[in-house]
Structure formats: structure tokens, C-alpha cells
Amino acid sequence: MSYQPTKTKYSGTIKEVKLGVGDKAVTVGGKTCYSFYLFEGEMPNPPRIAGEVWDMDPSEEWSPADCEPFKDVLGDSAAWAKKWVDEHGAELIALECKSSDPNGANRPADEVAEVVKKVADAIDVPLIVWGTANHDKDVEVLRKVAELCQGKRVVLGPTEEGDYKQIGAAALGYQHVVGASTPIDVNLAKQLNILLENLGVQMENIIMDPTTGGLGYGLEYTYSVMERMNMAALVQEDDKLQLPIFCNMAHEVWKTKEAKISEEEAPQLGNQKKRGILMEAVTAVDLLIAGADIVVIRHPETASLVKKFIEDMLSKS
């Protein structure tokens, strides 16, 4: 008698959410099982990789290993995004509006929104626009972004409990997707989704950002929370958590000491570039297994490794 593995019966389904418009629009979600458990259910839409782009030149903050693949376009966000798509096959772009930070460059919202519009016009893949988690400034920036990018179905985030009414209303008015962000807690994630739904945002227009740490910096806690979200959605039929998960992880990895410190300062850690890429790849793989539908990647070599992992898992499951 052949071995028959025990199988879990799932009564819930992750909702499908469409990002972007046109031929390159991306649909995420739709799972009827835990990620890659294709012997128990289906994953009609594979997890996606979003290439990270900043709205300002990050050279002063990033290490040489981070900068090298895009060193010729770091001062031009639109060209940077286009290079991700044309040369490295990015399926989505995650544009980080770092210049809007009131504790940093504090760039005016109008200027930030114009940069976002240029990026949106330069690419034909879906765009995720991410602020700095400063409620007042994010509301100001994302409202203008929503208006300038009307009809493109961009993701507006982070949308948090402190600003969900304003950003949610902008998403509703200009037909965008909400990136609902909460601090690594199942109940808080569910609560924000309920608040957005009460505001009038349909669940088919929300993706969840549970917040994540990089490898060795809170990743295991994020993994546990994401597992519990998927369990509640798929096994316990909690329809307020049956949404795709987005993990904005690139910055969390590359800002760590282990990724930034040079070989001269810490020769025992080995090649800095390889070290950073592997840290980013391991973080992404862990989050994908935990249930992520979109992971943000900074280095193209990491993107290649993670894409190969996804293809192998889907072909062998």
C-alpha cells in the first residue's frame, strides 16, 4: 500500500486582488491552501517580486553593493524603475517616497507626487507607492498621488489606523488599491481591514502589510504572525483576513549591520555583496513560505534567486 500523507482541508480562500491596468496588470491571491502546498489546494497566481526604487538618490545611505546595479540611474527614479523592468524583469515596482520624510529631506508633497507620476508613466507594470509612516505627510502625499495616477490602480500605503479615512477615501475616489499596514499583530490587521470595509473600501481592493523585520531582526515573529493570518483565513474562514500579503522587506534587510558592514571592518563575514544578497534571499524565501504574495527586493541578483525558488516550488509541488 502506497504512502498517503495526511491532508488538511481548507474551507477558506484568499481573495484575488488586481494591481495595475492593461496587459501587464498583476493579480495576487486566490490561494486555497498554504503557500506551495499544492498537494492540498491551488495557487492560481504565483507570488510576485517588486523591484525597490526610491524617489531620491540613496547613495549616501546605501553601501556600494546596494548601489552598484543601478549606479547610473539612482538620481532618476523613472529611469531606475524602467531599468528594473526592462533589464531585470521586475513584475511590479515599489516606489519608496523617502524624500517626503519630515525628519529627513521633507520634500513638498507636490514635488514627491510629480516624481511618482513620472515613474508611473515610465513603466507598464503595477506600481506600489509607499510613504514614510508619518500620518500627516503621507496623507498629503498619497492624496496627490491618487489624483495624478487616477485609473492606474496603484497601491497606496502604508495606510494605517491613524490615516485610513483620508487615504482610503482617496483610493476610493480615484480607483486605487489600499496597502493596509499594521505592526505585526493578527488582531490589529483584522481591525484595520474592518475599518476600511466600513469606510466603503471593498476587500478586493486591499492588500495587507503585516510589517516585517530582516533576517535575524524579528523575522521569526513576522513569520509566526503571517502563519496565523493564513490559518485564520484558510482554516477558520475569517473573511476579514482573506487578503493577499505584501512584505516591504528590502530596506529591513540592507539596513542591518551584517549587510552594511564592509569586508575591511569585518573580514570574518566574507564578501559584502554576496552576504547582503543571501540575507535578502533568505528573508524573501521565509516570507514566501509564511504566506507572502508580494516581496520587495533591492538587488537584481536576489530577485533572480527568489524567482528561481518560486518556479522550482511551483513545478515540484
C-alpha atoms as a PDB file:
ATOM      1  CA  MET A   1       0.000   0.000   0.000  1.00  0.00           C
ATOM      2  CA  SER A   2       1.466   3.346  -1.039  1.00  0.00           C
ATOM      3  CA  TYR A   3       2.006   6.097   1.496  1.00  0.00           C
ATOM      4  CA  GLN A   4      -0.868   8.583   1.720  1.00  0.00           C
ATOM      5  CA  PRO A   5       0.093  11.806   3.508  1.00  0.00           C
ATOM      6  CA  THR A   6      -2.390  13.426   5.859  1.00  0.00           C
ATOM      7  CA  LYS A   7      -4.008  16.396   4.155  1.00  0.00           C
ATOM      8  CA  THR A   8      -5.550  19.498   5.669  1.00  0.00           C
ATOM      9  CA  LYS A   9      -8.969  20.503   4.404  1.00  0.00           C
ATOM     10  CA  TYR A  10      -9.224  24.238   3.767  1.00  0.00           C
ATOM     11  CA  SER A  11     -12.637  25.869   3.776  1.00  0.00           C
ATOM     12  CA  GLY A  12     -11.416  29.413   3.054  1.00  0.00           C
ATOM     13  CA  THR A  13      -9.869  31.140   0.040  1.00  0.00           C
ATOM     14  CA  ILE A  14      -7.587  34.170  -0.229  1.00  0.00           C
ATOM     15  CA  LYS A  15      -9.316  36.849  -2.301  1.00  0.00           C
ATOM     16  CA  GLU A  16      -7.810  37.876  -5.607  1.00  0.00           C
ATOM     17  CA  VAL A  17      -6.684  41.495  -5.913  1.00  0.00           C
ATOM     18  CA  LYS A  18      -5.760  43.067  -9.238  1.00  0.00           C
ATOM     19  CA  LEU A  19      -2.893  45.572  -9.297  1.00  0.00           C
ATOM     20  CA  GLY A  20      -2.261  47.880 -12.225  1.00  0.00           C
ATOM     21  CA  VAL A  21      -4.060  48.013 -15.570  1.00  0.00           C
ATOM     22  CA  GLY A  22      -3.519  46.751 -19.098  1.00  0.00           C
ATOM     23  CA  ASP A  23      -1.578  43.741 -20.341  1.00  0.00           C
ATOM     24  CA  LYS A  24       0.962  43.882 -17.513  1.00  0.00           C
ATOM     25  CA  ALA A  25      -1.610  44.048 -14.698  1.00  0.00           C
ATOM     26  CA  VAL A  26      -0.888  41.552 -11.915  1.00  0.00           C
ATOM     27  CA  THR A  27      -3.399  39.531  -9.914  1.00  0.00           C
ATOM     28  CA  VAL A  28      -2.305  38.290  -6.489  1.00  0.00           C
ATOM     29  CA  GLY A  29      -4.057  35.998  -4.044  1.00  0.00           C
ATOM     30  CA  GLY A  30      -6.534  33.274  -4.907  1.00  0.00           C
ATOM     31  CA  LYS A  31      -4.884  30.561  -2.801  1.00  0.00           C
ATOM     32  CA  THR A  32      -6.976  27.684  -1.485  1.00  0.00           C
ATOM     33  CA  CYS A  33      -4.116  26.241   0.585  1.00  0.00           C
ATOM     34  CA  TYR A  34      -0.971  27.299   2.420  1.00  0.00           C
ATOM     35  CA  SER A  35       1.742  28.654   0.130  1.00  0.00           C
ATOM     36  CA  PHE A  36       3.231  25.967  -2.128  1.00  0.00           C
ATOM     37  CA  TYR A  37       1.079  23.193  -0.570  1.00  0.00           C
ATOM     38  CA  LEU A  38      -0.206  22.246  -3.999  1.00  0.00           C
ATOM     39  CA  PHE A  39      -0.869  18.667  -2.872  1.00  0.00           C
ATOM     40  CA  GLU A  40      -3.696  20.154  -0.773  1.00  0.00           C
ATOM     41  CA  GLY A  41      -5.038  23.023  -2.880  1.00  0.00           C
ATOM     42  CA  GLU A  42      -4.282  25.573  -5.568  1.00  0.00           C
ATOM     43  CA  MET A  43      -2.154  28.706  -6.064  1.00  0.00           C
ATOM     44  CA  PRO A  44      -3.612  30.137  -9.283  1.00  0.00           C
ATOM     45  CA  ASN A  45      -1.454  33.258  -9.016  1.00  0.00           C
ATOM     46  CA  PRO A  46       2.245  32.822  -8.149  1.00  0.00           C
ATOM     47  CA  PRO A  47       3.919  35.123  -5.601  1.00  0.00           C
ATOM     48  CA  ARG A  48       5.395  38.245  -7.169  1.00  0.00           C
ATOM     49  CA  ILE A  49       8.643  40.197  -6.838  1.00  0.00           C
ATOM     50  CA  ALA A  50       8.563  44.001  -6.684  1.00  0.00           C
ATOM     51  CA  GLY A  51      11.752  45.901  -7.501  1.00  0.00           C
ATOM     52  CA  GLU A  52      12.600  48.591  -4.956  1.00  0.00           C
ATOM     53  CA  VAL A  53      13.049  52.179  -6.182  1.00  0.00           C
ATOM     54  CA  TRP A  54      13.488  55.368  -4.130  1.00  0.00           C
ATOM     55  CA  ASP A  55      12.270  58.841  -5.042  1.00  0.00           C
ATOM     56  CA  MET A  56      15.702  60.244  -4.164  1.00  0.00           C
ATOM     57  CA  ASP A  57      19.317  59.250  -4.614  1.00  0.00           C
ATOM     58  CA  PRO A  58      20.135  56.814  -1.766  1.00  0.00           C
ATOM     59  CA  SER A  59      23.903  56.708  -2.345  1.00  0.00           C
ATOM     60  CA  GLU A  60      24.775  58.346   0.981  1.00  0.00           C
ATOM     61  CA  GLU A  61      22.769  55.747   2.903  1.00  0.00           C
ATOM     62  CA  TRP A  62      23.363  52.588   0.860  1.00  0.00           C
ATOM     63  CA  SER A  63      26.525  50.517   0.677  1.00  0.00           C
ATOM     64  CA  PRO A  64      28.432  50.164  -2.622  1.00  0.00           C
ATOM     65  CA  ALA A  65      26.955  46.675  -3.049  1.00  0.00           C
ATOM     66  CA  ASP A  66      23.416  48.088  -2.935  1.00  0.00           C
ATOM     67  CA  CYS A  67      24.181  50.892  -5.363  1.00  0.00           C
ATOM     68  CA  GLU A  68      26.197  49.012  -7.970  1.00  0.00           C
ATOM     69  CA  PRO A  69      23.377  47.507 -10.143  1.00  0.00           C
ATOM     70  CA  PHE A  70      21.656  50.893 -10.590  1.00  0.00           C
ATOM     71  CA  LYS A  71      24.501  53.340 -10.032  1.00  0.00           C
ATOM     72  CA  ASP A  72      23.877  55.061 -13.385  1.00  0.00           C
ATOM     73  CA  VAL A  73      20.207  55.817 -12.634  1.00  0.00           C
ATOM     74  CA  LEU A  74      19.980  56.343  -8.868  1.00  0.00           C
ATOM     75  CA  GLY A  75      19.311  60.040  -9.376  1.00  0.00           C
ATOM     76  CA  ASP A  76      16.417  59.409 -11.768  1.00  0.00           C
ATOM     77  CA  SER A  77      13.592  57.364 -10.241  1.00  0.00           C
ATOM     78  CA  ALA A  78      11.767  56.874 -13.545  1.00  0.00           C
ATOM     79  CA  ALA A  79      14.897  55.558 -15.292  1.00  0.00           C
ATOM     80  CA  TRP A  80      15.645  53.380 -12.257  1.00  0.00           C
ATOM     81  CA  ALA A  81      12.182  51.819 -12.381  1.00  0.00           C
ATOM     82  CA  LYS A  82      12.396  51.326 -16.135  1.00  0.00           C
ATOM     83  CA  LYS A  83      15.756  49.571 -15.779  1.00  0.00           C
ATOM     84  CA  TRP A  84      14.235  47.212 -13.198  1.00  0.00           C
ATOM     85  CA  VAL A  85      11.505  46.298 -15.681  1.00  0.00           C
ATOM     86  CA  ASP A  86      13.445  46.253 -18.961  1.00  0.00           C
ATOM     87  CA  GLU A  87      16.717  44.669 -17.816  1.00  0.00           C
ATOM     88  CA  HIS A  88      15.799  42.692 -14.705  1.00  0.00           C
ATOM     89  CA  GLY A  89      12.237  41.600 -15.407  1.00  0.00           C
ATOM     90  CA  ALA A  90      10.524  43.212 -12.413  1.00  0.00           C
ATOM     91  CA  GLU A  91       6.812  42.356 -12.357  1.00  0.00           C
ATOM     92  CA  LEU A  92       5.996  45.293 -10.076  1.00  0.00           C
ATOM     93  CA  ILE A  93       7.774  48.409  -8.831  1.00  0.00           C
ATOM     94  CA  ALA A  94       7.700  49.512  -5.184  1.00  0.00           C
ATOM     95  CA  LEU A  95       8.470  53.228  -5.060  1.00  0.00           C
ATOM     96  CA  GLU A  96       9.627  54.359  -1.610  1.00  0.00           C
ATOM     97  CA  CYS A  97       8.848  58.066  -1.048  1.00  0.00           C
ATOM     98  CA  LYS A  98      11.797  58.583   1.282  1.00  0.00           C
ATOM     99  CA  SER A  99      12.288  62.225   0.321  1.00  0.00           C
ATOM    100  CA  SER A 100       8.922  63.139   1.871  1.00  0.00           C
ATOM    101  CA  ASP A 101      10.042  62.216   5.403  1.00  0.00           C
ATOM    102  CA  PRO A 102       9.599  65.265   7.697  1.00  0.00           C
ATOM    103  CA  ASN A 103      12.604  64.036   9.674  1.00  0.00           C
ATOM    104  CA  GLY A 104      14.693  63.884   6.514  1.00  0.00           C
ATOM    105  CA  ALA A 105      14.588  65.845   3.259  1.00  0.00           C
ATOM    106  CA  ASN A 106      10.941  66.849   3.888  1.00  0.00           C
ATOM    107  CA  ARG A 107      10.314  67.389   0.190  1.00  0.00           C
ATOM    108  CA  PRO A 108       6.990  69.123  -0.597  1.00  0.00           C
ATOM    109  CA  ALA A 109       4.109  66.768  -1.366  1.00  0.00           C
ATOM    110  CA  ASP A 110       3.581  68.276  -4.835  1.00  0.00           C
ATOM    111  CA  GLU A 111       7.173  67.509  -5.831  1.00  0.00           C
ATOM    112  CA  VAL A 112       7.014  63.959  -4.457  1.00  0.00           C
ATOM    113  CA  ALA A 113       3.766  63.278  -6.304  1.00  0.00           C
ATOM    114  CA  GLU A 114       5.257  64.549  -9.568  1.00  0.00           C
ATOM    115  CA  VAL A 115       8.130  62.075  -9.221  1.00  0.00           C
ATOM    116  CA  VAL A 116       5.621  59.288  -8.616  1.00  0.00           C
ATOM    117  CA  LYS A 117       3.686  60.314 -11.732  1.00  0.00           C
ATOM    118  CA  LYS A 118       6.872  60.204 -13.830  1.00  0.00           C
ATOM    119  CA  VAL A 119       7.627  56.699 -12.574  1.00  0.00           C
ATOM    120  CA  ALA A 120       4.055  55.539 -13.224  1.00  0.00           C
ATOM    121  CA  ASP A 121       4.227  56.878 -16.794  1.00  0.00           C
ATOM    122  CA  ALA A 122       7.649  55.318 -17.450  1.00  0.00           C
ATOM    123  CA  ILE A 123       6.625  51.717 -16.690  1.00  0.00           C
ATOM    124  CA  ASP A 124       3.868  49.378 -17.822  1.00  0.00           C
ATOM    125  CA  VAL A 125       3.847  47.180 -14.703  1.00  0.00           C
ATOM    126  CA  PRO A 126       1.873  47.841 -11.493  1.00  0.00           C
ATOM    127  CA  LEU A 127       3.203  50.467  -9.078  1.00  0.00           C
ATOM    128  CA  ILE A 128       3.234  50.344  -5.284  1.00  0.00           C
ATOM    129  CA  VAL A 129       3.692  53.792  -3.702  1.00  0.00           C
ATOM    130  CA  TRP A 130       4.955  53.722  -0.116  1.00  0.00           C
ATOM    131  CA  GLY A 131       5.254  56.676   2.232  1.00  0.00           C
ATOM    132  CA  THR A 132       7.199  57.099   5.466  1.00  0.00           C
ATOM    133  CA  ALA A 133       4.510  56.224   8.082  1.00  0.00           C
ATOM    134  CA  ASN A 134       4.191  59.874   9.075  1.00  0.00           C
ATOM    135  CA  HIS A 135       0.415  60.224   9.027  1.00  0.00           C
ATOM    136  CA  ASP A 136       0.136  63.903   8.148  1.00  0.00           C
ATOM    137  CA  LYS A 137       2.730  63.837   5.381  1.00  0.00           C
ATOM    138  CA  ASP A 138       1.598  60.504   3.949  1.00  0.00           C
ATOM    139  CA  VAL A 139      -1.981  61.757   3.711  1.00  0.00           C
ATOM    140  CA  GLU A 140      -0.787  64.874   1.898  1.00  0.00           C
ATOM    141  CA  VAL A 141       1.460  62.951  -0.499  1.00  0.00           C
ATOM    142  CA  LEU A 142      -0.789  59.961  -1.209  1.00  0.00           C
ATOM    143  CA  ARG A 143      -3.852  62.104  -1.867  1.00  0.00           C
ATOM    144  CA  LYS A 144      -1.934  63.941  -4.596  1.00  0.00           C
ATOM    145  CA  VAL A 145      -0.539  60.666  -5.923  1.00  0.00           C
ATOM    146  CA  ALA A 146      -4.043  59.200  -6.079  1.00  0.00           C
ATOM    147  CA  GLU A 147      -5.235  62.149  -8.158  1.00  0.00           C
ATOM    148  CA  LEU A 148      -2.251  62.265 -10.537  1.00  0.00           C
ATOM    149  CA  CYS A 149      -2.302  58.489 -11.084  1.00  0.00           C
ATOM    150  CA  GLN A 150      -6.063  58.154 -11.465  1.00  0.00           C
ATOM    151  CA  GLY A 151      -7.084  54.948 -13.230  1.00  0.00           C
ATOM    152  CA  LYS A 152      -3.708  53.196 -12.849  1.00  0.00           C
ATOM    153  CA  ARG A 153      -4.746  51.101  -9.806  1.00  0.00           C
ATOM    154  CA  VAL A 154      -1.574  51.835  -7.851  1.00  0.00           C
ATOM    155  CA  VAL A 155      -1.198  50.620  -4.264  1.00  0.00           C
ATOM    156  CA  LEU A 156      -1.291  53.451  -1.700  1.00  0.00           C
ATOM    157  CA  GLY A 157       0.491  52.784   1.566  1.00  0.00           C
ATOM    158  CA  PRO A 158       1.276  52.483   4.312  1.00  0.00           C
ATOM    159  CA  THR A 159      -2.388  53.008   5.177  1.00  0.00           C
ATOM    160  CA  GLU A 160      -2.612  52.796   8.963  1.00  0.00           C
ATOM    161  CA  GLU A 161      -5.280  53.250  11.621  1.00  0.00           C
ATOM    162  CA  GLY A 162      -4.204  56.870  12.083  1.00  0.00           C
ATOM    163  CA  ASP A 163      -4.806  57.855   8.449  1.00  0.00           C
ATOM    164  CA  TYR A 164      -7.036  55.176   6.891  1.00  0.00           C
ATOM    165  CA  LYS A 165     -10.012  57.514   6.437  1.00  0.00           C
ATOM    166  CA  GLN A 166      -8.107  60.024   4.319  1.00  0.00           C
ATOM    167  CA  ILE A 167      -6.029  57.557   2.291  1.00  0.00           C
ATOM    168  CA  GLY A 168      -8.904  55.092   1.986  1.00  0.00           C
ATOM    169  CA  ALA A 169     -11.164  57.858   0.669  1.00  0.00           C
ATOM    170  CA  ALA A 170      -8.506  58.845  -1.896  1.00  0.00           C
ATOM    171  CA  ALA A 171      -8.211  55.223  -3.033  1.00  0.00           C
ATOM    172  CA  LEU A 172     -11.999  55.008  -3.352  1.00  0.00           C
ATOM    173  CA  GLY A 173     -12.285  58.262  -5.246  1.00  0.00           C
ATOM    174  CA  TYR A 174      -9.538  57.559  -7.763  1.00  0.00           C
ATOM    175  CA  GLN A 175      -9.876  53.754  -8.031  1.00  0.00           C
ATOM    176  CA  HIS A 176      -6.684  52.550  -6.389  1.00  0.00           C
ATOM    177  CA  VAL A 177      -5.687  49.724  -4.045  1.00  0.00           C
ATOM    178  CA  VAL A 178      -5.082  50.229  -0.322  1.00  0.00           C
ATOM    179  CA  GLY A 179      -1.924  48.889   1.335  1.00  0.00           C
ATOM    180  CA  ALA A 180      -3.239  48.250   4.868  1.00  0.00           C
ATOM    181  CA  SER A 181      -0.288  48.313   7.269  1.00  0.00           C
ATOM    182  CA  THR A 182      -0.262  47.168  10.904  1.00  0.00           C
ATOM    183  CA  PRO A 183       2.537  46.397  13.414  1.00  0.00           C
ATOM    184  CA  ILE A 184       2.906  42.583  13.366  1.00  0.00           C
ATOM    185  CA  ASP A 185      -0.368  41.614  15.027  1.00  0.00           C
ATOM    186  CA  VAL A 186      -3.221  39.450  13.711  1.00  0.00           C
ATOM    187  CA  ASN A 187      -5.987  41.298  15.545  1.00  0.00           C
ATOM    188  CA  LEU A 188      -4.740  44.732  14.521  1.00  0.00           C
ATOM    189  CA  ALA A 189      -4.595  43.618  10.888  1.00  0.00           C
ATOM    190  CA  LYS A 190      -8.151  42.326  11.067  1.00  0.00           C
ATOM    191  CA  GLN A 191      -9.350  45.501  12.788  1.00  0.00           C
ATOM    192  CA  LEU A 192      -7.881  47.778  10.114  1.00  0.00           C
ATOM    193  CA  ASN A 193      -9.464  45.703   7.345  1.00  0.00           C
ATOM    194  CA  ILE A 194     -12.847  46.055   9.075  1.00  0.00           C
ATOM    195  CA  LEU A 195     -12.386  49.823   9.402  1.00  0.00           C
ATOM    196  CA  LEU A 196     -11.526  50.105   5.706  1.00  0.00           C
ATOM    197  CA  GLU A 197     -14.512  47.979   4.732  1.00  0.00           C
ATOM    198  CA  ASN A 198     -16.787  50.147   6.883  1.00  0.00           C
ATOM    199  CA  LEU A 199     -15.369  53.172   5.069  1.00  0.00           C
ATOM    200  CA  GLY A 200     -16.524  51.638   1.795  1.00  0.00           C
ATOM    201  CA  VAL A 201     -13.296  50.068   0.505  1.00  0.00           C
ATOM    202  CA  GLN A 202     -14.051  46.649  -0.953  1.00  0.00           C
ATOM    203  CA  MET A 203     -11.907  43.746   0.215  1.00  0.00           C
ATOM    204  CA  GLU A 204     -10.928  43.163  -3.425  1.00  0.00           C
ATOM    205  CA  ASN A 205      -9.101  46.499  -3.237  1.00  0.00           C
ATOM    206  CA  ILE A 206      -6.969  45.819  -0.150  1.00  0.00           C
ATOM    207  CA  ILE A 207      -3.635  44.080   0.374  1.00  0.00           C
ATOM    208  CA  MET A 208      -2.165  43.585   3.851  1.00  0.00           C
ATOM    209  CA  ASP A 209       1.254  44.670   5.076  1.00  0.00           C
ATOM    210  CA  PRO A 210       1.872  42.945   8.440  1.00  0.00           C
ATOM    211  CA  THR A 211       5.268  44.699   8.797  1.00  0.00           C
ATOM    212  CA  THR A 212       8.423  42.615   8.749  1.00  0.00           C
ATOM    213  CA  GLY A 213      11.977  42.548  10.028  1.00  0.00           C
ATOM    214  CA  GLY A 214      15.012  41.290   8.158  1.00  0.00           C
ATOM    215  CA  LEU A 215      16.824  38.022   8.778  1.00  0.00           C
ATOM    216  CA  GLY A 216      17.862  37.954  12.431  1.00  0.00           C
ATOM    217  CA  TYR A 217      15.879  41.102  13.238  1.00  0.00           C
ATOM    218  CA  GLY A 218      12.355  39.956  14.050  1.00  0.00           C
ATOM    219  CA  LEU A 219      11.781  37.769  11.005  1.00  0.00           C
ATOM    220  CA  GLU A 220      10.728  34.761  13.097  1.00  0.00           C
ATOM    221  CA  TYR A 221       7.980  36.783  14.812  1.00  0.00           C
ATOM    222  CA  THR A 222       6.687  38.083  11.481  1.00  0.00           C
ATOM    223  CA  TYR A 223       6.702  34.522  10.142  1.00  0.00           C
ATOM    224  CA  SER A 224       4.587  33.343  13.080  1.00  0.00           C
ATOM    225  CA  VAL A 225       2.052  36.173  12.703  1.00  0.00           C
ATOM    226  CA  MET A 226       1.738  35.603   8.955  1.00  0.00           C
ATOM    227  CA  GLU A 227       1.194  31.882   9.545  1.00  0.00           C
ATOM    228  CA  ARG A 228      -1.601  32.690  11.961  1.00  0.00           C
ATOM    229  CA  MET A 229      -3.163  35.093   9.457  1.00  0.00           C
ATOM    230  CA  ASN A 230      -3.182  32.378   6.797  1.00  0.00           C
ATOM    231  CA  MET A 231      -4.512  29.814   9.247  1.00  0.00           C
ATOM    232  CA  ALA A 232      -7.376  32.105  10.259  1.00  0.00           C
ATOM    233  CA  ALA A 233      -8.162  32.882   6.619  1.00  0.00           C
ATOM    234  CA  LEU A 234      -7.951  29.378   5.159  1.00  0.00           C
ATOM    235  CA  VAL A 235      -8.918  27.058   8.013  1.00  0.00           C
ATOM    236  CA  GLN A 236     -11.099  29.214  10.255  1.00  0.00           C
ATOM    237  CA  GLU A 237     -12.806  31.068   7.369  1.00  0.00           C
ATOM    238  CA  ASP A 238     -12.108  34.526   8.788  1.00  0.00           C
ATOM    239  CA  ASP A 239     -13.108  36.596   5.760  1.00  0.00           C
ATOM    240  CA  LYS A 240     -11.539  39.756   7.226  1.00  0.00           C
ATOM    241  CA  LEU A 241      -8.107  38.178   6.824  1.00  0.00           C
ATOM    242  CA  GLN A 242      -8.625  36.502   3.463  1.00  0.00           C
ATOM    243  CA  LEU A 243      -6.427  39.034   1.677  1.00  0.00           C
ATOM    244  CA  PRO A 244      -3.048  38.904  -0.122  1.00  0.00           C
ATOM    245  CA  ILE A 245       0.027  39.820   1.934  1.00  0.00           C
ATOM    246  CA  PHE A 246       2.662  42.367   0.907  1.00  0.00           C
ATOM    247  CA  CYS A 247       6.100  42.421   2.587  1.00  0.00           C
ATOM    248  CA  ASN A 248       8.176  45.583   2.224  1.00  0.00           C
ATOM    249  CA  MET A 249      11.359  43.826   3.304  1.00  0.00           C
ATOM    250  CA  ALA A 250      14.286  45.130   1.232  1.00  0.00           C
ATOM    251  CA  HIS A 251      15.106  48.129   3.409  1.00  0.00           C
ATOM    252  CA  GLU A 252      14.793  45.995   6.557  1.00  0.00           C
ATOM    253  CA  VAL A 253      17.495  43.637   5.273  1.00  0.00           C
ATOM    254  CA  TRP A 254      20.002  46.056   3.790  1.00  0.00           C
ATOM    255  CA  LYS A 255      19.962  48.465   6.732  1.00  0.00           C
ATOM    256  CA  THR A 256      21.267  45.796   9.127  1.00  0.00           C
ATOM    257  CA  LYS A 257      24.828  45.840  10.410  1.00  0.00           C
ATOM    258  CA  GLU A 258      25.542  42.430   8.894  1.00  0.00           C
ATOM    259  CA  ALA A 259      24.549  43.619   5.419  1.00  0.00           C
ATOM    260  CA  LYS A 260      26.189  47.064   5.569  1.00  0.00           C
ATOM    261  CA  ILE A 261      29.494  46.449   7.299  1.00  0.00           C
ATOM    262  CA  SER A 262      32.449  46.272   4.895  1.00  0.00           C
ATOM    263  CA  GLU A 263      34.847  43.369   4.431  1.00  0.00           C
ATOM    264  CA  GLU A 264      37.676  45.556   5.744  1.00  0.00           C
ATOM    265  CA  GLU A 265      35.810  46.133   9.006  1.00  0.00           C
ATOM    266  CA  ALA A 266      34.629  42.535   9.390  1.00  0.00           C
ATOM    267  CA  PRO A 267      36.660  40.155   7.196  1.00  0.00           C
ATOM    268  CA  GLN A 268      35.223  37.158   9.062  1.00  0.00           C
ATOM    269  CA  LEU A 269      31.805  37.862   7.492  1.00  0.00           C
ATOM    270  CA  GLY A 270      33.100  37.356   3.956  1.00  0.00           C
ATOM    271  CA  ASN A 271      32.144  39.108   0.725  1.00  0.00           C
ATOM    272  CA  GLN A 272      29.787  42.006   1.473  1.00  0.00           C
ATOM    273  CA  LYS A 273      27.807  41.819  -1.761  1.00  0.00           C
ATOM    274  CA  LYS A 274      27.240  38.067  -1.539  1.00  0.00           C
ATOM    275  CA  ARG A 275      26.380  38.381   2.159  1.00  0.00           C
ATOM    276  CA  GLY A 276      23.715  41.026   1.531  1.00  0.00           C
ATOM    277  CA  ILE A 277      22.191  39.170  -1.400  1.00  0.00           C
ATOM    278  CA  LEU A 278      21.949  35.930   0.571  1.00  0.00           C
ATOM    279  CA  MET A 279      20.446  37.696   3.586  1.00  0.00           C
ATOM    280  CA  GLU A 280      17.838  39.269   1.331  1.00  0.00           C
ATOM    281  CA  ALA A 281      17.115  35.997  -0.473  1.00  0.00           C
ATOM    282  CA  VAL A 282      16.704  34.006   2.760  1.00  0.00           C
ATOM    283  CA  THR A 283      14.374  36.669   4.166  1.00  0.00           C
ATOM    284  CA  ALA A 284      12.270  36.631   0.991  1.00  0.00           C
ATOM    285  CA  VAL A 285      12.050  32.831   0.874  1.00  0.00           C
ATOM    286  CA  ASP A 286      10.991  32.650   4.520  1.00  0.00           C
ATOM    287  CA  LEU A 287       8.268  35.243   3.970  1.00  0.00           C
ATOM    288  CA  LEU A 288       7.024  33.494   0.833  1.00  0.00           C
ATOM    289  CA  ILE A 289       6.717  30.207   2.699  1.00  0.00           C
ATOM    290  CA  ALA A 290       4.899  32.030   5.509  1.00  0.00           C
ATOM    291  CA  GLY A 291       2.317  33.290   3.017  1.00  0.00           C
ATOM    292  CA  ALA A 292       3.578  36.473   1.312  1.00  0.00           C
ATOM    293  CA  ASP A 293       2.118  37.228  -2.116  1.00  0.00           C
ATOM    294  CA  ILE A 294       4.481  40.130  -2.880  1.00  0.00           C
ATOM    295  CA  VAL A 295       8.040  40.706  -1.607  1.00  0.00           C
ATOM    296  CA  VAL A 296      10.068  43.862  -2.269  1.00  0.00           C
ATOM    297  CA  ILE A 297      13.630  43.161  -3.453  1.00  0.00           C
ATOM    298  CA  ARG A 298      16.517  45.635  -3.758  1.00  0.00           C
ATOM    299  CA  HIS A 299      19.208  43.680  -5.614  1.00  0.00           C
ATOM    300  CA  PRO A 300      18.573  42.095  -9.050  1.00  0.00           C
ATOM    301  CA  GLU A 301      20.669  39.038  -8.164  1.00  0.00           C
ATOM    302  CA  THR A 302      18.404  38.431  -5.199  1.00  0.00           C
ATOM    303  CA  ALA A 303      15.393  38.754  -7.500  1.00  0.00           C
ATOM    304  CA  SER A 304      16.834  36.054  -9.779  1.00  0.00           C
ATOM    305  CA  LEU A 305      17.410  33.684  -6.853  1.00  0.00           C
ATOM    306  CA  VAL A 306      13.932  34.228  -5.440  1.00  0.00           C
ATOM    307  CA  LYS A 307      12.261  33.889  -8.828  1.00  0.00           C
ATOM    308  CA  LYS A 308      14.038  30.555  -9.348  1.00  0.00           C
ATOM    309  CA  PHE A 309      12.862  29.399  -5.903  1.00  0.00           C
ATOM    310  CA  ILE A 310       9.249  30.256  -6.764  1.00  0.00           C
ATOM    311  CA  GLU A 311       9.460  28.447 -10.112  1.00  0.00           C
ATOM    312  CA  ASP A 312      11.011  25.357  -8.543  1.00  0.00           C
ATOM    313  CA  MET A 313       8.448  25.207  -5.749  1.00  0.00           C
ATOM    314  CA  LEU A 314       5.513  25.538  -8.113  1.00  0.00           C
ATOM    315  CA  SER A 315       6.885  22.950 -10.537  1.00  0.00           C
ATOM    316  CA  LYS A 316       7.738  20.350  -7.871  1.00  0.00           C
ATOM    317  CA  SER A 317       4.698  20.755  -5.631  1.00  0.00           C
END
